[in-house]
Amino acid sequence: MNFTAKELKALALPLLACVVLLAAGTALIAWTQQQQRAAAGELSAAREQLAQARERLLRIAEEEKEVKEKLEVYLRLRALGILGDERRLEWADSMTRIRTQRELPDLRYRVERQRLISSVASKPSTVDFYASAMKVELALLHEGDLLNFLADLRESGNAYYSVKQCSLSRTGLASAVAGLAPRLRAECEIDLITIIDRAAKA
C-alpha cells in the first residue's frame, strides 16, 4: 500500500505521538519493575528485621525467666541461711534446742574444719561450696528419735544438712530392766554445706 506525500504528512504527527507513547510506556514499565524490586528488597529487609526482633524478644524473655528462677533459688537459700560464712554458733544453738525440745538423754557432736568441696564458675564471679563435717552420737529410746532429730536439724537452717551415713546399735539394756533408759545408740556423719558467692562478698 502506497501513501501519498499528503497522507504521510498527515500521519507524521500521530506516528510521532505513538513512538513517544511507546517510549514513555517502556520507561514506565522499567521504572515500575525497578520500584517493585526495590519494594521487594525493602519487604525482605523488614521481614528479616522483624525475625531478628522476635528472636531478641524471645531471648530476652528466656533470660528474664532464667533470672527469675535463679532469684527464687537465691532467696530460698538466703532464707535457709545457707549463703555466706559458716555459722558455728547458730549450729551449736540448734543442737542445744533440739536436745532440749526432744528430751534426748545424750547428744554429743563434733564439727571438723571447713573444707572446699566445689567451685562453680558463674557470672559475675565464682560460687564456692564448702562443707564442715559433723559427727554426732546420740542415745535413743526408739528409731523415731533419730528421724525426728534429723528432721529438726534440717529445719533449723544455717546450712544444708547432707546426711552421709547413720548407724544404729543396741545398748544391750533390756526394756524391762531399763524402763525409759535409751536402748539404741546412733552415730551419724553429716556434712553442713554452705555457699559463698564471691561477687556478693566483694
N, C-alpha and C. Protein backbone atom coordinates (compact mmCIF):
# COMPACT_ATOMS: atom_id res chain seq x y z
N MET A 1 0.85 -1.17 0.00
CA MET A 1 0.00 0.00 0.00
C MET A 1 0.90 1.24 0.00
N ASN A 2 0.68 2.09 -0.90
CA ASN A 2 1.48 3.29 -1.06
C ASN A 2 0.71 4.49 -0.52
N PHE A 3 1.50 5.35 0.24
CA PHE A 3 0.91 6.58 0.78
C PHE A 3 1.42 7.77 -0.02
N THR A 4 0.54 8.67 -0.20
CA THR A 4 0.93 9.90 -0.89
C THR A 4 1.65 10.79 0.12
N ALA A 5 2.33 11.79 -0.39
CA ALA A 5 3.06 12.72 0.47
C ALA A 5 2.13 13.44 1.42
N LYS A 6 0.95 13.74 0.92
CA LYS A 6 -0.03 14.43 1.77
C LYS A 6 -0.49 13.54 2.91
N GLU A 7 -0.68 12.20 2.59
CA GLU A 7 -1.13 11.25 3.62
C GLU A 7 -0.01 11.02 4.65
N LEU A 8 1.24 10.91 4.14
CA LEU A 8 2.37 10.72 5.05
C LEU A 8 2.53 11.91 5.99
N LYS A 9 2.29 13.12 5.42
CA LYS A 9 2.39 14.32 6.25
C LYS A 9 1.31 14.33 7.32
N ALA A 10 0.12 13.82 6.94
CA ALA A 10 -0.98 13.77 7.91
C ALA A 10 -0.72 12.73 8.99
N LEU A 11 0.00 11.64 8.62
CA LEU A 11 0.27 10.55 9.60
C LEU A 11 1.50 10.84 10.46
N ALA A 12 2.30 11.80 10.09
CA ALA A 12 3.56 12.05 10.82
C ALA A 12 3.32 12.37 12.29
N LEU A 13 2.36 13.23 12.55
CA LEU A 13 2.08 13.62 13.94
C LEU A 13 1.57 12.46 14.78
N PRO A 14 0.58 11.66 14.29
CA PRO A 14 0.14 10.51 15.07
C PRO A 14 1.24 9.47 15.28
N LEU A 15 2.09 9.27 14.25
CA LEU A 15 3.18 8.29 14.38
C LEU A 15 4.18 8.75 15.46
N LEU A 16 4.47 10.06 15.41
CA LEU A 16 5.39 10.60 16.41
C LEU A 16 4.81 10.46 17.82
N ALA A 17 3.52 10.73 17.94
CA ALA A 17 2.86 10.57 19.24
C ALA A 17 2.89 9.12 19.69
N CYS A 18 2.70 8.21 18.72
CA CYS A 18 2.72 6.76 19.06
C CYS A 18 4.10 6.35 19.54
N VAL A 19 5.15 6.83 18.86
CA VAL A 19 6.53 6.49 19.27
C VAL A 19 6.82 7.04 20.66
N VAL A 20 6.38 8.31 20.87
CA VAL A 20 6.60 8.92 22.19
C VAL A 20 5.86 8.14 23.27
N LEU A 21 4.61 7.74 22.96
CA LEU A 21 3.83 6.98 23.95
C LEU A 21 4.46 5.61 24.22
N LEU A 22 4.96 4.94 23.17
CA LEU A 22 5.62 3.63 23.36
C LEU A 22 6.87 3.78 24.22
N ALA A 23 7.64 4.85 23.94
CA ALA A 23 8.85 5.08 24.74
C ALA A 23 8.49 5.37 26.19
N ALA A 24 7.44 6.20 26.35
CA ALA A 24 7.01 6.52 27.71
C ALA A 24 6.49 5.29 28.42
N GLY A 25 5.75 4.44 27.71
CA GLY A 25 5.24 3.20 28.30
C GLY A 25 6.36 2.26 28.71
N THR A 26 7.36 2.15 27.81
CA THR A 26 8.51 1.29 28.12
C THR A 26 9.25 1.81 29.35
N ALA A 27 9.45 3.13 29.38
CA ALA A 27 10.13 3.72 30.54
C ALA A 27 9.31 3.53 31.81
N LEU A 28 8.01 3.65 31.69
CA LEU A 28 7.13 3.46 32.86
C LEU A 28 7.19 2.03 33.37
N ILE A 29 7.19 1.08 32.40
CA ILE A 29 7.28 -0.34 32.80
C ILE A 29 8.61 -0.61 33.50
N ALA A 30 9.70 -0.06 32.93
CA ALA A 30 11.02 -0.27 33.54
C ALA A 30 11.07 0.35 34.93
N TRP A 31 10.52 1.56 35.07
CA TRP A 31 10.51 2.23 36.38
C TRP A 31 9.68 1.46 37.39
N THR A 32 8.52 0.92 36.91
CA THR A 32 7.63 0.14 37.80
C THR A 32 8.34 -1.13 38.28
N GLN A 33 9.04 -1.80 37.35
CA GLN A 33 9.76 -3.01 37.73
C GLN A 33 10.87 -2.70 38.74
N GLN A 34 11.55 -1.56 38.48
CA GLN A 34 12.61 -1.15 39.41
C GLN A 34 12.03 -0.86 40.80
N GLN A 35 10.91 -0.15 40.82
CA GLN A 35 10.26 0.15 42.09
C GLN A 35 9.77 -1.13 42.77
N GLN A 36 9.30 -2.07 41.98
CA GLN A 36 8.82 -3.34 42.53
C GLN A 36 9.97 -4.12 43.16
N ARG A 37 11.13 -4.13 42.45
CA ARG A 37 12.31 -4.81 43.01
C ARG A 37 12.77 -4.14 44.30
N ALA A 38 12.75 -2.80 44.30
CA ALA A 38 13.16 -2.05 45.50
C ALA A 38 12.20 -2.34 46.66
N ALA A 39 10.89 -2.36 46.32
CA ALA A 39 9.89 -2.65 47.37
C ALA A 39 10.07 -4.06 47.90
N ALA A 40 10.36 -5.01 46.99
CA ALA A 40 10.57 -6.40 47.42
C ALA A 40 11.79 -6.49 48.33
N GLY A 41 12.86 -5.74 47.99
CA GLY A 41 14.06 -5.72 48.83
C GLY A 41 13.76 -5.13 50.20
N GLU A 42 13.01 -4.04 50.22
CA GLU A 42 12.64 -3.42 51.49
C GLU A 42 11.77 -4.35 52.33
N LEU A 43 10.85 -5.06 51.65
CA LEU A 43 9.98 -6.01 52.36
C LEU A 43 10.80 -7.14 52.95
N SER A 44 11.76 -7.66 52.18
CA SER A 44 12.62 -8.73 52.67
C SER A 44 13.44 -8.26 53.87
N ALA A 45 13.98 -7.02 53.76
CA ALA A 45 14.76 -6.47 54.88
C ALA A 45 13.89 -6.28 56.11
N ALA A 46 12.65 -5.79 55.89
CA ALA A 46 11.73 -5.58 57.01
C ALA A 46 11.38 -6.90 57.67
N ARG A 47 11.17 -7.95 56.84
CA ARG A 47 10.87 -9.28 57.42
C ARG A 47 12.05 -9.82 58.21
N GLU A 48 13.26 -9.60 57.70
CA GLU A 48 14.46 -10.06 58.42
C GLU A 48 14.61 -9.32 59.75
N GLN A 49 14.37 -7.99 59.70
CA GLN A 49 14.43 -7.21 60.94
C GLN A 49 13.37 -7.66 61.94
N LEU A 50 12.18 -7.98 61.43
CA LEU A 50 11.11 -8.47 62.30
C LEU A 50 11.49 -9.81 62.93
N ALA A 51 12.08 -10.69 62.10
CA ALA A 51 12.51 -12.00 62.62
C ALA A 51 13.59 -11.82 63.69
N GLN A 52 14.55 -10.91 63.44
CA GLN A 52 15.60 -10.65 64.42
C GLN A 52 15.04 -10.06 65.70
N ALA A 53 14.06 -9.15 65.54
CA ALA A 53 13.43 -8.54 66.72
C ALA A 53 12.69 -9.60 67.54
N ARG A 54 12.01 -10.52 66.83
CA ARG A 54 11.31 -11.61 67.54
C ARG A 54 12.29 -12.50 68.27
N GLU A 55 13.43 -12.82 67.63
CA GLU A 55 14.45 -13.65 68.27
C GLU A 55 15.00 -12.96 69.51
N ARG A 56 15.27 -11.64 69.38
CA ARG A 56 15.77 -10.89 70.54
C ARG A 56 14.75 -10.87 71.66
N LEU A 57 13.49 -10.67 71.29
CA LEU A 57 12.42 -10.65 72.29
C LEU A 57 12.30 -12.00 72.98
N LEU A 58 12.40 -13.08 72.20
CA LEU A 58 12.33 -14.42 72.77
C LEU A 58 13.51 -14.68 73.68
N ARG A 59 14.70 -14.22 73.26
CA ARG A 59 15.90 -14.39 74.07
C ARG A 59 15.78 -13.62 75.38
N ILE A 60 15.27 -12.39 75.28
CA ILE A 60 15.09 -11.57 76.48
C ILE A 60 14.10 -12.22 77.44
N ALA A 61 13.00 -12.77 76.87
CA ALA A 61 12.00 -13.44 77.71
C ALA A 61 12.60 -14.66 78.41
N GLU A 62 13.43 -15.44 77.67
CA GLU A 62 14.07 -16.61 78.27
C GLU A 62 15.06 -16.19 79.36
N GLU A 63 15.84 -15.14 79.08
CA GLU A 63 16.80 -14.66 80.08
C GLU A 63 16.08 -14.14 81.32
N GLU A 64 14.95 -13.45 81.10
CA GLU A 64 14.17 -12.94 82.23
C GLU A 64 13.63 -14.09 83.08
N LYS A 65 13.16 -15.15 82.40
CA LYS A 65 12.66 -16.32 83.12
C LYS A 65 13.78 -16.99 83.90
N GLU A 66 14.97 -17.09 83.28
CA GLU A 66 16.12 -17.70 83.95
C GLU A 66 16.54 -16.89 85.17
N VAL A 67 16.53 -15.55 85.02
CA VAL A 67 16.90 -14.68 86.14
C VAL A 67 15.90 -14.84 87.28
N LYS A 68 14.60 -14.92 86.95
CA LYS A 68 13.57 -15.09 87.99
C LYS A 68 13.75 -16.40 88.72
N GLU A 69 14.04 -17.48 87.95
CA GLU A 69 14.24 -18.79 88.58
C GLU A 69 15.46 -18.77 89.50
N LYS A 70 16.56 -18.15 89.02
CA LYS A 70 17.76 -18.08 89.85
C LYS A 70 17.53 -17.21 91.08
N LEU A 71 16.75 -16.14 90.90
CA LEU A 71 16.45 -15.28 92.03
C LEU A 71 15.63 -16.02 93.09
N GLU A 72 14.67 -16.84 92.63
CA GLU A 72 13.87 -17.63 93.59
C GLU A 72 14.75 -18.60 94.37
N VAL A 73 15.68 -19.26 93.65
CA VAL A 73 16.60 -20.18 94.32
C VAL A 73 17.47 -19.42 95.32
N TYR A 74 17.97 -18.28 94.89
CA TYR A 74 18.82 -17.46 95.76
C TYR A 74 18.07 -17.04 97.02
N LEU A 75 16.83 -16.59 96.85
CA LEU A 75 16.04 -16.15 98.01
C LEU A 75 15.74 -17.31 98.96
N ARG A 76 15.49 -18.51 98.38
CA ARG A 76 15.25 -19.68 99.24
C ARG A 76 16.50 -20.04 100.02
N LEU A 77 17.65 -20.00 99.33
CA LEU A 77 18.92 -20.32 100.00
C LEU A 77 19.22 -19.30 101.09
N ARG A 78 18.95 -18.03 100.78
CA ARG A 78 19.20 -16.98 101.78
C ARG A 78 18.28 -17.14 102.99
N ALA A 79 17.00 -17.50 102.73
CA ALA A 79 16.05 -17.70 103.83
C ALA A 79 16.48 -18.87 104.71
N LEU A 80 17.12 -19.87 104.11
CA LEU A 80 17.58 -21.03 104.89
C LEU A 80 18.89 -20.74 105.62
N GLY A 81 19.51 -19.62 105.32
CA GLY A 81 20.77 -19.29 105.98
C GLY A 81 21.95 -20.05 105.42
N ILE A 82 21.82 -20.56 104.19
CA ILE A 82 22.88 -21.37 103.59
C ILE A 82 23.97 -20.51 102.96
N LEU A 83 23.61 -19.29 102.56
CA LEU A 83 24.56 -18.40 101.89
C LEU A 83 25.45 -17.70 102.92
N GLY A 84 26.72 -17.57 102.57
CA GLY A 84 27.64 -16.84 103.42
C GLY A 84 28.54 -17.76 104.24
N ASP A 85 29.25 -17.17 105.17
CA ASP A 85 30.19 -17.92 106.00
C ASP A 85 29.44 -18.91 106.91
N GLU A 86 30.18 -19.94 107.34
CA GLU A 86 29.56 -20.93 108.23
C GLU A 86 29.17 -20.26 109.55
N ARG A 87 28.11 -20.81 110.16
CA ARG A 87 27.55 -20.22 111.38
C ARG A 87 27.63 -21.23 112.53
N ARG A 88 28.79 -21.38 113.08
CA ARG A 88 29.00 -22.41 114.11
C ARG A 88 28.22 -22.12 115.39
N LEU A 89 28.10 -20.86 115.76
CA LEU A 89 27.33 -20.53 116.96
C LEU A 89 25.86 -20.91 116.78
N GLU A 90 25.31 -20.61 115.60
CA GLU A 90 23.92 -20.98 115.33
C GLU A 90 23.75 -22.49 115.31
N TRP A 91 24.76 -23.22 114.76
CA TRP A 91 24.68 -24.69 114.76
C TRP A 91 24.64 -25.21 116.20
N ALA A 92 25.48 -24.64 117.06
CA ALA A 92 25.51 -25.07 118.46
C ALA A 92 24.18 -24.78 119.15
N ASP A 93 23.61 -23.60 118.87
CA ASP A 93 22.31 -23.25 119.45
C ASP A 93 21.22 -24.21 118.99
N SER A 94 21.27 -24.58 117.71
CA SER A 94 20.27 -25.51 117.17
C SER A 94 20.38 -26.88 117.83
N MET A 95 21.60 -27.35 118.01
CA MET A 95 21.78 -28.66 118.64
C MET A 95 21.27 -28.64 120.09
N THR A 96 21.54 -27.55 120.80
CA THR A 96 21.06 -27.44 122.19
C THR A 96 19.53 -27.39 122.23
N ARG A 97 18.95 -26.63 121.31
CA ARG A 97 17.48 -26.51 121.27
C ARG A 97 16.83 -27.86 120.93
N ILE A 98 17.39 -28.57 119.96
CA ILE A 98 16.82 -29.87 119.57
C ILE A 98 16.93 -30.85 120.73
N ARG A 99 18.09 -30.88 121.39
CA ARG A 99 18.28 -31.81 122.51
C ARG A 99 17.27 -31.52 123.62
N THR A 100 17.01 -30.22 123.89
CA THR A 100 16.07 -29.85 124.95
C THR A 100 14.63 -30.17 124.54
N GLN A 101 14.25 -29.78 123.34
CA GLN A 101 12.86 -29.97 122.89
C GLN A 101 12.52 -31.45 122.74
N ARG A 102 13.47 -32.23 122.22
CA ARG A 102 13.22 -33.67 122.01
C ARG A 102 13.54 -34.50 123.26
N GLU A 103 14.08 -33.84 124.28
CA GLU A 103 14.44 -34.52 125.53
C GLU A 103 15.36 -35.72 125.25
N LEU A 104 16.38 -35.46 124.45
CA LEU A 104 17.35 -36.51 124.14
C LEU A 104 18.30 -36.67 125.32
N PRO A 105 18.43 -37.86 125.85
CA PRO A 105 19.23 -38.05 127.07
C PRO A 105 20.72 -37.81 126.89
N ASP A 106 21.23 -38.13 125.69
CA ASP A 106 22.67 -37.98 125.48
C ASP A 106 22.90 -37.59 124.01
N LEU A 107 23.47 -36.42 123.80
CA LEU A 107 23.75 -35.95 122.44
C LEU A 107 25.14 -35.31 122.44
N ARG A 108 26.02 -35.90 121.67
CA ARG A 108 27.37 -35.37 121.55
C ARG A 108 27.68 -35.15 120.07
N TYR A 109 28.42 -34.11 119.80
CA TYR A 109 28.78 -33.85 118.39
C TYR A 109 30.11 -33.12 118.33
N ARG A 110 30.73 -33.24 117.16
CA ARG A 110 31.99 -32.54 116.90
C ARG A 110 31.98 -32.07 115.45
N VAL A 111 32.26 -30.79 115.25
CA VAL A 111 32.29 -30.23 113.90
C VAL A 111 33.74 -30.02 113.50
N GLU A 112 34.12 -30.61 112.38
CA GLU A 112 35.50 -30.50 111.91
C GLU A 112 35.70 -29.22 111.10
N ARG A 113 36.93 -28.98 110.68
CA ARG A 113 37.26 -27.76 109.93
C ARG A 113 36.54 -27.76 108.58
N GLN A 114 36.22 -26.56 108.17
CA GLN A 114 35.53 -26.39 106.89
C GLN A 114 36.48 -26.72 105.73
N ARG A 115 35.92 -27.33 104.68
CA ARG A 115 36.72 -27.65 103.51
C ARG A 115 35.95 -27.28 102.24
N LEU A 116 36.68 -26.92 101.21
CA LEU A 116 36.07 -26.59 99.92
C LEU A 116 35.74 -27.89 99.19
N ILE A 117 34.47 -28.03 98.76
CA ILE A 117 34.11 -29.26 98.05
C ILE A 117 33.87 -29.03 96.56
N SER A 118 33.57 -27.77 96.18
CA SER A 118 33.34 -27.50 94.76
C SER A 118 33.34 -25.99 94.50
N SER A 119 33.82 -25.63 93.31
CA SER A 119 33.75 -24.24 92.84
C SER A 119 33.08 -24.24 91.48
N VAL A 120 32.10 -23.37 91.33
CA VAL A 120 31.37 -23.29 90.07
C VAL A 120 31.56 -21.90 89.48
N ALA A 121 32.10 -21.86 88.26
CA ALA A 121 32.30 -20.58 87.59
C ALA A 121 30.95 -20.05 87.11
N SER A 122 30.67 -18.81 87.43
CA SER A 122 29.41 -18.20 87.01
C SER A 122 29.64 -16.71 86.82
N LYS A 123 28.64 -16.03 86.33
CA LYS A 123 28.72 -14.57 86.16
C LYS A 123 28.04 -13.89 87.33
N PRO A 124 28.66 -12.89 87.92
CA PRO A 124 29.94 -12.28 87.54
C PRO A 124 31.14 -12.88 88.25
N SER A 125 30.95 -13.87 89.11
CA SER A 125 32.07 -14.38 89.89
C SER A 125 31.86 -15.87 90.17
N THR A 126 32.82 -16.45 90.89
CA THR A 126 32.78 -17.87 91.22
C THR A 126 31.94 -18.11 92.48
N VAL A 127 31.20 -19.23 92.47
CA VAL A 127 30.43 -19.64 93.64
C VAL A 127 31.12 -20.86 94.24
N ASP A 128 31.46 -20.78 95.53
CA ASP A 128 32.17 -21.85 96.23
C ASP A 128 31.23 -22.58 97.17
N PHE A 129 31.34 -23.91 97.17
CA PHE A 129 30.56 -24.76 98.07
C PHE A 129 31.51 -25.34 99.11
N TYR A 130 31.18 -25.10 100.39
CA TYR A 130 32.00 -25.58 101.49
C TYR A 130 31.22 -26.57 102.34
N ALA A 131 31.95 -27.48 102.96
CA ALA A 131 31.32 -28.44 103.86
C ALA A 131 32.12 -28.54 105.14
N SER A 132 31.41 -28.60 106.24
CA SER A 132 32.01 -28.87 107.54
C SER A 132 31.43 -30.18 108.04
N ALA A 133 32.28 -31.17 108.19
CA ALA A 133 31.81 -32.49 108.61
C ALA A 133 31.46 -32.47 110.10
N MET A 134 30.29 -32.98 110.42
CA MET A 134 29.85 -33.07 111.82
C MET A 134 29.60 -34.54 112.16
N LYS A 135 30.22 -34.98 113.22
CA LYS A 135 30.00 -36.34 113.72
C LYS A 135 29.13 -36.26 114.97
N VAL A 136 28.04 -37.00 114.94
CA VAL A 136 27.05 -36.93 116.02
C VAL A 136 26.89 -38.31 116.65
N GLU A 137 26.82 -38.33 117.97
CA GLU A 137 26.47 -39.54 118.71
C GLU A 137 25.30 -39.19 119.62
N LEU A 138 24.26 -40.01 119.56
CA LEU A 138 23.12 -39.73 120.43
C LEU A 138 22.45 -41.02 120.88
N ALA A 139 21.95 -40.98 122.10
CA ALA A 139 21.22 -42.11 122.68
C ALA A 139 19.74 -41.95 122.33
N LEU A 140 19.08 -43.08 122.01
CA LEU A 140 17.70 -43.02 121.53
C LEU A 140 16.82 -44.01 122.30
N LEU A 141 15.58 -43.60 122.51
CA LEU A 141 14.60 -44.52 123.06
C LEU A 141 14.08 -45.46 121.98
N HIS A 142 13.94 -44.92 120.76
CA HIS A 142 13.49 -45.73 119.61
C HIS A 142 13.99 -45.07 118.32
N GLU A 143 13.80 -45.76 117.19
CA GLU A 143 14.31 -45.28 115.89
C GLU A 143 13.71 -43.92 115.50
N GLY A 144 12.48 -43.67 115.91
CA GLY A 144 11.82 -42.42 115.55
C GLY A 144 12.55 -41.20 116.08
N ASP A 145 13.25 -41.36 117.21
CA ASP A 145 14.01 -40.23 117.76
C ASP A 145 15.09 -39.76 116.78
N LEU A 146 15.70 -40.71 116.08
CA LEU A 146 16.73 -40.34 115.10
C LEU A 146 16.12 -39.58 113.93
N LEU A 147 14.99 -40.07 113.41
CA LEU A 147 14.32 -39.40 112.30
C LEU A 147 13.87 -37.99 112.70
N ASN A 148 13.35 -37.87 113.92
CA ASN A 148 12.93 -36.55 114.40
C ASN A 148 14.12 -35.60 114.55
N PHE A 149 15.24 -36.14 115.05
CA PHE A 149 16.44 -35.32 115.20
C PHE A 149 16.91 -34.80 113.85
N LEU A 150 16.98 -35.67 112.85
CA LEU A 150 17.44 -35.26 111.52
C LEU A 150 16.49 -34.25 110.89
N ALA A 151 15.18 -34.45 111.07
CA ALA A 151 14.20 -33.51 110.53
C ALA A 151 14.34 -32.13 111.19
N ASP A 152 14.51 -32.13 112.52
CA ASP A 152 14.69 -30.86 113.24
C ASP A 152 15.97 -30.16 112.79
N LEU A 153 16.99 -30.94 112.55
CA LEU A 153 18.27 -30.37 112.13
C LEU A 153 18.13 -29.68 110.77
N ARG A 154 17.44 -30.34 109.85
CA ARG A 154 17.25 -29.74 108.51
C ARG A 154 16.41 -28.47 108.59
N GLU A 155 15.41 -28.48 109.43
CA GLU A 155 14.51 -27.32 109.53
C GLU A 155 15.16 -26.16 110.27
N SER A 156 16.26 -26.41 110.96
CA SER A 156 16.89 -25.34 111.74
C SER A 156 17.60 -24.32 110.85
N GLY A 157 17.91 -24.69 109.59
CA GLY A 157 18.57 -23.75 108.68
C GLY A 157 20.03 -23.56 109.01
N ASN A 158 20.61 -22.42 108.57
CA ASN A 158 22.01 -22.05 108.81
C ASN A 158 23.01 -22.92 108.07
N ALA A 159 22.53 -23.89 107.30
CA ALA A 159 23.38 -24.73 106.45
C ALA A 159 22.46 -25.73 105.76
N TYR A 160 23.00 -26.38 104.72
CA TYR A 160 22.29 -27.51 104.13
C TYR A 160 22.88 -28.76 104.75
N TYR A 161 22.03 -29.53 105.40
CA TYR A 161 22.49 -30.70 106.15
C TYR A 161 22.39 -31.93 105.27
N SER A 162 23.56 -32.44 104.84
CA SER A 162 23.62 -33.63 103.99
C SER A 162 24.07 -34.81 104.84
N VAL A 163 23.15 -35.73 105.07
CA VAL A 163 23.46 -36.90 105.91
C VAL A 163 24.22 -37.92 105.07
N LYS A 164 25.48 -38.16 105.44
CA LYS A 164 26.30 -39.12 104.69
C LYS A 164 26.00 -40.55 105.11
N GLN A 165 25.89 -40.74 106.43
CA GLN A 165 25.54 -42.08 106.91
C GLN A 165 25.15 -42.01 108.38
N CYS A 166 24.33 -42.98 108.79
CA CYS A 166 23.95 -43.15 110.18
C CYS A 166 23.94 -44.64 110.49
N SER A 167 24.43 -44.98 111.65
CA SER A 167 24.40 -46.38 112.07
C SER A 167 23.73 -46.48 113.44
N LEU A 168 22.94 -47.53 113.60
CA LEU A 168 22.23 -47.77 114.87
C LEU A 168 22.77 -49.03 115.51
N SER A 169 22.87 -48.98 116.82
CA SER A 169 23.29 -50.18 117.57
C SER A 169 22.52 -50.22 118.88
N ARG A 170 22.33 -51.42 119.40
CA ARG A 170 21.61 -51.60 120.67
C ARG A 170 22.58 -51.39 121.83
N THR A 171 22.05 -50.82 122.91
CA THR A 171 22.88 -50.58 124.09
C THR A 171 23.07 -51.83 124.93
N GLY A 172 22.21 -52.82 124.71
CA GLY A 172 22.30 -54.06 125.48
C GLY A 172 21.42 -54.07 126.70
N LEU A 173 20.71 -52.95 126.99
CA LEU A 173 19.83 -52.89 128.15
C LEU A 173 18.45 -53.41 127.78
N ALA A 174 17.93 -54.32 128.56
CA ALA A 174 16.58 -54.85 128.31
C ALA A 174 15.56 -53.81 128.73
N SER A 175 14.48 -53.70 127.97
CA SER A 175 13.46 -52.68 128.24
C SER A 175 12.81 -52.88 129.60
N ALA A 176 12.66 -54.14 130.01
CA ALA A 176 12.02 -54.39 131.30
C ALA A 176 12.88 -53.87 132.45
N VAL A 177 14.19 -53.97 132.28
CA VAL A 177 15.10 -53.53 133.33
C VAL A 177 15.34 -52.03 133.24
N ALA A 178 15.50 -51.56 131.99
CA ALA A 178 15.92 -50.17 131.82
C ALA A 178 14.79 -49.18 131.93
N GLY A 179 13.55 -49.61 131.76
CA GLY A 179 12.43 -48.67 131.79
C GLY A 179 12.52 -47.71 130.62
N LEU A 180 12.68 -46.42 130.92
CA LEU A 180 12.77 -45.42 129.85
C LEU A 180 14.22 -45.13 129.45
N ALA A 181 15.12 -45.95 129.89
CA ALA A 181 16.52 -45.74 129.52
C ALA A 181 16.71 -45.99 128.02
N PRO A 182 17.64 -45.28 127.38
CA PRO A 182 17.88 -45.46 125.95
C PRO A 182 18.31 -46.89 125.64
N ARG A 183 17.70 -47.46 124.61
CA ARG A 183 18.05 -48.82 124.20
C ARG A 183 18.85 -48.84 122.90
N LEU A 184 18.92 -47.65 122.23
CA LEU A 184 19.65 -47.56 120.96
C LEU A 184 20.67 -46.43 121.02
N ARG A 185 21.69 -46.61 120.22
CA ARG A 185 22.69 -45.55 120.08
C ARG A 185 22.94 -45.33 118.60
N ALA A 186 22.96 -44.06 118.19
CA ALA A 186 23.16 -43.72 116.78
C ALA A 186 24.45 -42.94 116.62
N GLU A 187 25.14 -43.23 115.53
CA GLU A 187 26.32 -42.47 115.14
C GLU A 187 26.11 -42.00 113.71
N CYS A 188 26.21 -40.70 113.50
CA CYS A 188 25.94 -40.13 112.17
C CYS A 188 27.10 -39.26 111.71
N GLU A 189 27.29 -39.25 110.41
CA GLU A 189 28.22 -38.33 109.77
C GLU A 189 27.39 -37.42 108.87
N ILE A 190 27.47 -36.12 109.13
CA ILE A 190 26.63 -35.15 108.43
C ILE A 190 27.51 -34.02 107.91
N ASP A 191 27.33 -33.67 106.64
CA ASP A 191 28.03 -32.52 106.09
C ASP A 191 27.15 -31.27 106.20
N LEU A 192 27.69 -30.23 106.80
CA LEU A 192 27.00 -28.95 106.89
C LEU A 192 27.53 -28.08 105.75
N ILE A 193 26.71 -27.90 104.73
CA ILE A 193 27.16 -27.25 103.50
C ILE A 193 26.71 -25.80 103.47
N THR A 194 27.66 -24.92 103.17
CA THR A 194 27.36 -23.50 102.98
C THR A 194 27.88 -23.07 101.62
N ILE A 195 27.31 -21.98 101.11
CA ILE A 195 27.64 -21.48 99.77
C ILE A 195 28.12 -20.04 99.89
N ILE A 196 29.23 -19.75 99.24
CA ILE A 196 29.77 -18.39 99.24
C ILE A 196 29.86 -17.90 97.80
N ASP A 197 29.15 -16.81 97.53
CA ASP A 197 29.21 -16.15 96.23
C ASP A 197 30.24 -15.04 96.34
N ARG A 198 31.35 -15.20 95.62
CA ARG A 198 32.45 -14.23 95.73
C ARG A 198 32.03 -12.83 95.30
N ALA A 199 31.12 -12.75 94.33
CA ALA A 199 30.67 -11.42 93.88
C ALA A 199 29.88 -10.72 94.97
N ALA A 200 29.02 -11.50 95.66
CA ALA A 200 28.21 -10.90 96.73
C ALA A 200 29.07 -10.51 97.92
N LYS A 201 30.18 -11.25 98.11
CA LYS A 201 31.02 -11.00 99.27
C LYS A 201 31.96 -9.80 99.05
N ALA A 202 32.25 -9.53 97.76
CA ALA A 202 33.21 -8.46 97.45
C ALA A 202 32.66 -7.09 97.81
